[in-house]
Every structure is written in structure tokens, then in C-alpha cells.
Protein backbone atom coordinates (compact mmCIF):
# COMPACT_ATOMS: atom_id res chain seq x y z
CA MET A 1 109.75 96.07 59.69
CA LYS A 2 110.62 99.13 62.39
CA PRO A 3 107.29 100.53 63.26
CA VAL A 4 106.22 97.04 63.32
CA PHE A 5 108.46 96.06 66.00
CA ARG A 6 108.06 99.54 68.09
CA THR A 7 104.87 98.58 68.09
CA VAL A 8 105.49 94.94 69.81
CA LYS A 9 107.60 96.45 71.68
CA THR A 10 105.19 99.21 73.74
CA TYR A 11 102.88 96.62 74.35
CA LEU A 12 105.26 93.78 75.48
CA ILE A 13 106.59 96.86 78.16
CA LEU A 14 102.64 97.83 78.94
CA THR A 15 102.20 93.93 79.62
CA LEU A 16 105.56 93.99 82.09
CA GLY A 17 104.20 97.07 83.65
CA SER A 18 100.62 96.10 84.18
CA LEU A 19 102.30 92.30 85.78
CA ILE A 20 104.44 94.29 88.11
CA ALA A 21 101.65 96.25 89.58
CA ALA A 22 99.91 93.46 89.75
CA THR A 23 101.95 91.90 91.74
CA ALA A 24 101.74 94.55 94.44
CA TYR A 25 98.18 94.03 95.02
CA ASN A 26 98.44 90.48 95.82
CA LEU A 27 101.76 90.16 97.49
CA PHE A 28 101.22 93.34 99.84
CA LEU A 29 98.03 95.08 99.32
CA VAL A 30 94.63 93.40 98.82
CA PRO A 31 95.91 90.69 102.06
CA ASN A 32 96.44 93.62 104.07
CA LYS A 33 93.37 95.61 103.22
CA ILE A 34 95.06 98.52 102.07
CA ALA A 35 93.31 100.38 99.15
CA PRO A 36 95.08 102.88 98.03
CA GLY A 37 92.43 104.31 95.65
CA GLY A 38 91.09 104.37 92.12
CA VAL A 39 90.09 101.40 91.27
CA GLY A 40 92.81 99.24 93.04
CA GLY A 41 91.01 100.32 95.98
CA ILE A 42 87.61 99.86 95.51
CA GLY A 43 88.23 96.28 94.20
CA THR A 44 90.01 95.49 96.96
CA VAL A 45 87.49 96.43 99.09
CA LEU A 46 85.08 94.64 97.35
CA TYR A 47 86.78 91.10 97.70
CA HIS A 48 87.10 91.41 101.18
CA LEU A 49 83.11 92.05 101.11
CA TYR A 50 81.95 89.30 98.65
CA SER A 51 85.24 87.84 97.74
CA ILE A 52 84.34 89.29 94.38
CA PRO A 53 87.80 88.95 92.57
CA VAL A 54 89.49 92.27 92.39
CA GLY A 55 90.38 91.83 88.58
CA VAL A 56 86.87 91.64 87.91
CA SER A 57 85.54 93.81 89.73
CA MET A 58 88.45 96.50 88.18
CA LEU A 59 87.39 95.61 85.07
CA VAL A 60 83.36 96.05 85.41
CA MET A 61 84.16 99.67 86.98
CA ASN A 62 86.67 100.74 84.13
CA VAL A 63 84.14 99.65 80.90
CA PRO A 64 81.74 101.65 81.79
CA LEU A 65 84.42 104.52 82.09
CA PHE A 66 86.01 104.37 79.74
CA LEU A 67 82.08 104.01 77.99
CA LEU A 68 81.37 107.59 79.41
CA SER A 69 84.50 108.83 77.91
CA ILE A 70 84.46 107.70 74.11
CA LYS A 71 80.81 109.84 74.97
CA PHE A 72 81.51 112.75 76.23
CA LEU A 73 85.52 113.49 75.82
CA GLY A 74 86.01 111.65 72.63
CA GLY A 75 87.83 108.73 73.32
CA ARG A 76 90.72 110.31 73.68
CA PHE A 77 92.59 107.83 76.25
CA GLY A 78 93.56 105.44 72.97
CA ILE A 79 93.88 101.69 72.50
CA LYS A 80 97.01 101.68 74.41
CA THR A 81 95.45 102.92 78.02
CA PHE A 82 92.42 100.56 77.36
CA PHE A 83 95.03 97.57 76.74
CA ALA A 84 96.96 98.04 79.92
CA THR A 85 93.45 98.65 81.90
CA ILE A 86 92.27 94.41 80.54
CA ALA A 87 96.27 93.50 81.27
CA LEU A 88 96.47 95.08 84.93
CA SER A 89 92.60 93.62 86.03
CA VAL A 90 94.48 90.10 84.38
CA ALA A 91 97.19 89.94 85.57
CA ILE A 92 96.10 90.72 88.81
CA ASP A 93 93.35 87.25 88.98
CA LEU A 94 96.36 85.35 87.11
CA THR A 95 98.76 86.11 90.11
CA SER A 96 96.18 86.10 92.48
CA PHE A 97 97.50 82.62 93.64
CA LEU A 98 100.88 84.66 95.10
CA PRO A 99 101.48 84.81 98.74
CA SER A 100 101.08 87.85 101.26
CA VAL A 101 105.07 88.58 102.16
CA THR A 102 103.81 90.31 105.06
CA ASP A 103 100.89 91.28 107.58
CA ASP A 104 103.21 94.26 108.96
CA LEU A 105 100.91 97.30 107.05
CA LEU A 106 103.94 100.05 107.19
CA LEU A 107 106.07 97.56 105.31
CA ALA A 108 103.36 96.03 103.18
CA GLY A 109 102.37 100.04 102.89
CA LEU A 110 105.79 100.78 101.59
CA PHE A 111 106.54 98.16 99.41
CA GLY A 112 103.29 97.83 97.49
CA GLY A 113 103.38 101.31 96.65
CA LEU A 114 106.88 101.11 95.76
CA ILE A 115 106.20 97.78 93.60
CA LEU A 116 103.34 99.37 91.96
CA GLY A 117 104.08 102.87 91.44
CA PHE A 118 107.63 101.16 89.33
CA GLY A 119 104.70 99.04 87.32
CA LEU A 120 102.38 101.89 86.36
CA GLY A 121 105.33 104.30 85.58
CA ILE A 122 106.61 101.84 82.94
CA VAL A 123 103.07 101.55 81.62
CA PHE A 124 102.53 105.42 81.63
CA THR A 125 106.23 106.06 80.15
CA GLN A 126 105.15 104.47 76.90
CA GLY A 127 102.02 106.82 76.80
CA ALA A 128 99.19 105.16 78.01
CA THR A 129 97.49 104.92 81.87
CA THR A 130 95.59 102.37 83.73
CA GLY A 131 92.25 103.94 83.35
CA GLY A 132 90.03 103.89 86.65
CA THR A 133 90.21 107.22 88.61
CA ASP A 134 92.41 108.98 85.74
CA ILE A 135 89.29 108.75 83.77
CA ALA A 136 86.99 109.89 87.10
CA ALA A 137 88.86 112.49 87.08
CA LYS A 138 88.96 114.13 83.08
CA LEU A 139 84.81 113.52 83.66
CA ALA A 140 84.44 115.35 86.66
CA HIS A 141 86.44 117.80 85.43
CA ARG A 142 84.24 118.22 82.20
CA TRP A 143 81.42 119.16 84.64
CA LEU A 144 83.98 120.83 87.52
CA PRO A 145 85.97 123.10 85.27
CA HIS A 146 86.97 125.51 88.29
CA ILE A 147 88.78 122.19 90.03
CA SER A 148 91.99 120.87 88.28
CA ILE A 149 92.26 117.62 87.10
CA GLY A 150 94.90 116.98 89.49
CA THR A 151 92.86 117.95 92.67
CA LEU A 152 89.80 115.88 90.85
CA LEU A 153 91.78 113.02 91.39
CA LEU A 154 93.05 113.32 94.88
CA PHE A 155 89.86 113.79 95.69
CA ILE A 156 88.45 111.02 94.28
CA ASP A 157 91.83 108.47 95.93
CA MET A 158 91.14 110.36 99.20
CA ALA A 159 87.51 109.11 98.89
CA VAL A 160 88.10 105.56 98.60
CA VAL A 161 90.82 105.96 100.83
CA PHE A 162 88.58 106.54 103.87
CA TRP A 163 85.39 104.49 102.25
CA ALA A 164 87.81 101.90 102.89
CA ALA A 165 88.55 102.77 106.45
CA VAL A 166 85.13 102.95 107.29
CA VAL A 167 84.01 99.49 105.74
CA PHE A 168 86.82 97.69 107.15
CA ARG A 169 86.12 100.07 110.76
CA ASN A 170 90.02 100.67 111.02
CA TYR A 171 91.18 104.16 109.95
CA GLN A 172 94.58 103.13 110.74
CA LEU A 173 94.32 101.37 107.02
CA ALA A 174 94.12 105.22 105.83
CA LEU A 175 96.66 106.18 107.38
CA TYR A 176 99.22 103.01 105.37
CA ALA A 177 97.09 104.31 102.48
CA VAL A 178 97.81 107.28 102.50
CA ILE A 179 101.69 106.78 103.08
CA THR A 180 101.10 104.13 100.16
CA LEU A 181 100.22 106.80 97.52
CA PHE A 182 102.56 109.13 98.58
CA VAL A 183 105.15 105.99 98.19
CA ILE A 184 103.20 105.62 94.56
CA ALA A 185 103.31 109.19 93.51
CA LYS A 186 108.01 109.12 94.30
CA VAL A 187 108.33 106.53 92.98
CA LEU A 188 106.06 107.22 89.41
CA ASP A 189 108.33 110.62 89.16
CA ALA A 190 111.53 108.63 89.60
CA VAL A 191 110.57 106.28 86.58
CA LEU A 192 109.18 108.77 84.55
CA GLU A 193 111.39 111.77 85.21
CA GLY A 194 114.95 109.42 86.09
CA VAL A 195 116.66 109.50 88.81
CA ASP A 196 119.91 109.95 87.61
CA PHE A 197 119.73 113.60 88.46
CA ALA A 198 122.16 115.68 86.97
CA LYS A 199 123.11 119.53 88.19
CA ALA A 200 122.70 122.84 86.25
CA VAL A 201 125.75 124.74 86.93
CA TYR A 202 125.49 129.03 86.35
CA VAL A 203 127.99 130.46 86.57
CA ILE A 204 128.56 134.94 86.37
CA SER A 205 132.22 135.91 86.52
CA GLU A 206 134.73 137.95 84.84
CA LYS A 207 137.28 135.58 83.70
CA ASN A 208 134.15 133.96 81.91
CA GLU A 209 136.13 132.78 78.88
CA GLU A 210 139.18 131.30 80.79
CA ILE A 211 136.43 129.08 83.43
CA ALA A 212 134.23 128.02 80.09
CA GLY A 213 137.81 126.89 78.45
CA LYS A 214 139.16 124.95 80.83
CA ILE A 215 135.67 123.17 82.07
CA MET A 216 135.52 122.12 78.21
CA ASP A 217 139.13 121.26 78.42
CA GLU A 218 138.95 119.15 81.88
CA LEU A 219 135.25 117.68 81.83
CA ALA A 220 134.48 117.83 78.24
CA ARG A 221 131.03 119.39 78.91
CA GLY A 222 129.54 122.10 76.64
CA VAL A 223 129.42 125.69 78.17
CA THR A 224 126.32 127.72 77.24
CA GLY A 225 127.30 131.98 77.34
CA PHE A 226 123.83 134.10 78.05
CA LYS A 227 124.35 138.02 78.62
CA ILE A 228 122.45 139.67 81.18
CA VAL A 229 122.10 143.00 82.76
CA GLY A 230 123.32 143.91 86.38
CA LYS A 231 120.45 145.88 87.94
CA TRP A 232 122.85 146.91 90.53
CA THR A 233 125.53 147.68 88.48
CA GLN A 234 123.97 148.31 84.94
CA SER A 235 126.18 146.22 83.20
CA ASP A 236 126.01 144.54 80.45
CA ARG A 237 127.20 140.87 81.31
CA GLU A 238 127.14 136.96 80.87
CA MET A 239 126.41 134.23 82.23
CA LEU A 240 127.65 130.49 81.59
CA LEU A 241 125.49 127.56 82.00
CA CYS A 242 126.79 123.84 82.56
CA VAL A 243 124.83 121.23 83.03
CA VAL A 244 127.05 117.71 84.65
CA ARG A 245 127.02 115.13 86.18
CA ARG A 246 126.88 115.14 90.59
CA ARG A 247 130.05 113.80 90.87
CA GLU A 248 131.62 116.37 88.42
CA VAL A 249 130.35 119.17 90.44
CA PRO A 250 133.12 119.24 92.93
CA ARG A 251 135.74 119.26 89.63
CA ILE A 252 133.40 122.36 88.30
CA LYS A 253 133.39 123.79 91.58
CA ARG A 254 137.61 123.75 92.17
CA ILE A 255 137.54 125.17 88.40
CA VAL A 256 135.68 128.29 89.67
CA ARG A 257 137.15 128.76 92.74
CA ASP A 258 140.95 128.34 91.22
CA LEU A 259 140.03 131.11 88.39
CA ASP A 260 137.82 134.05 90.43
CA PRO A 261 137.05 133.34 93.97
CA ARG A 262 134.67 135.88 94.23
CA ALA A 263 133.05 134.28 90.99
CA PHE A 264 129.07 133.86 91.56
CA VAL A 265 128.25 130.52 91.70
CA PHE A 266 124.34 129.04 91.62
CA LEU A 267 123.12 125.09 91.26
CA ALA A 268 119.76 124.19 89.96
CA ASP A 269 118.70 120.40 90.23
CA VAL A 270 117.84 118.89 86.21
CA ARG A 271 116.06 115.46 87.06
CA GLU A 272 116.47 113.84 83.00
CA VAL A 273 118.91 115.15 80.73
CA LEU A 274 119.11 113.65 76.73
CA GLY A 275 121.69 114.32 74.70
CA GLU A 276 125.16 114.02 73.52
CA GLY A 277 126.83 112.93 76.95
CA PHE A 278 123.97 111.78 78.71
CA LYS A 279 121.04 109.74 77.63
CA ALA A 280 120.41 109.09 74.59
CA MET A 281 117.00 110.11 73.29
CA GLU A 282 114.92 107.19 72.44
């Protein structure tokens, strides 16, 4: 039953993510003519020009993209992406009755991007995408291998943004759409990589044993030692590594300072930590 339960859970999460993303279009983006790239952006333009439901136009554009991907890329996008694409299109039209929350373009761009990025992030955590320009960029990369997929995706999205601005004869809309794209990217990163940042603390000291022991006793954190070579002195040294939560950083600094004020310490951001003492691996 476990594989069945896991599959059901995956598709429920994909549906939830698609529904959240759909509300961003209807509450903020479509009513304010903000087209943040992709087939959703094209669908927004077509809706205002010809009253074609956004979900319908997205689905019509995604079907040939999927067929082309199967022909040229071997259908590597999978059933989950196909499901998420259909779910988002259906959800957008099913929630089209929702009223616009604001006519302030900045607020619409910011909150539309935040909610859309959150919804897409939920979809991406399940190993799926919502199709559209993701597939178009991969197809274009087949014929333009010297250009990265990320660059092609950015170019396609920006082309949609400025095409919408030309159609609507309002170039400010392009600027707000760029803000929305930026927010989407940041929220996506936060959902996929986590927002509970940890810190990796590196210590080089003459008193590594005492420092490591104190950290393990007081913070109950594991400490790893690496053999290094000091190029200035050509001497073998040991460097300590300890990953801690942000709130624990002042305590670890105090421990090092008290035991060896001359120690060399540097810290680095860690976006996501899995394992004992942190988040469990799913």
C-alpha cells in the first residue's frame, strides 16, 4: 500500500500546487494585464484580446509542445508534468470567478508573483513542472545547443513580457511583469531549497580538540575535522566544520573566542540541511 499511498499523495500535492498557482492568475495577474512570461502570459494577452479563457489557451498551447517533446526529446517530461499542466489549466478556469483583489499594479505584481511562485514551487517539489516555456526552452536547446536552457527560458519569458506590453500599449506593464518574474524565482528557490537557513562554521585553531569538545558538549552538534596544509607556513593543520542553526551562531562564536581568541573562523550559508538534528529526509 505504501507505493500507492505515495502516488496518491504526490498527485494531491500537484493538484494543490496547481490550484494555488491558479489563484495568483485570477486574483492578481490576469485582471491587471500582467503577463509574467510563459504560456500563462500568452493566455493572459489572448484573454484580453479575444475573451478566450486563460486555461483553455494554455492547454491548447501545451498539447503541441508535449507532442513535440515526445518526438524530439523522447517524452522525458513524464506523466506528472502532463498531469500538472492539465491541472493548472483546469484550475485557472475553475477559479476564474474569483474577484480581483487590487488594481494597484505593484501590489498585483508582487503578490501575484509570491503566490504563483509558491504554487509552482509545490509542483516542482514533486519532480514535475507545468510545461509551457520549460518544454519550449528544452526544444529550442536541441537546435541551439550553444545557448543554455536557462538563457533560452529567460529569453522566451522576456519576449512574452514585452509582446504583452506592445499589445496592451503600456510599457509599464512589462516592468511590473519583470518584478513578478523576479519574485517568482525567489519564492521558487525558497520553496525548493528551504527558508530555514543554517550556517556552516569553519574553524582553524591551535586548540581544535578543546573547541570541538566544547561544541559537542554545549550544542550537541557533530564536528568534523579536515586535514589541511597551510601554504604560508607549509605546515599540516586541521580545520573543523560544524553545521548549526542561525540562532546557535553566537554561542559557537563565544566558545571559539573563549578558548582561542586568535582562531580563524569563517561562516557560510547553508540552504537546506537533512539529517540528525535538522530536517528529516523524506
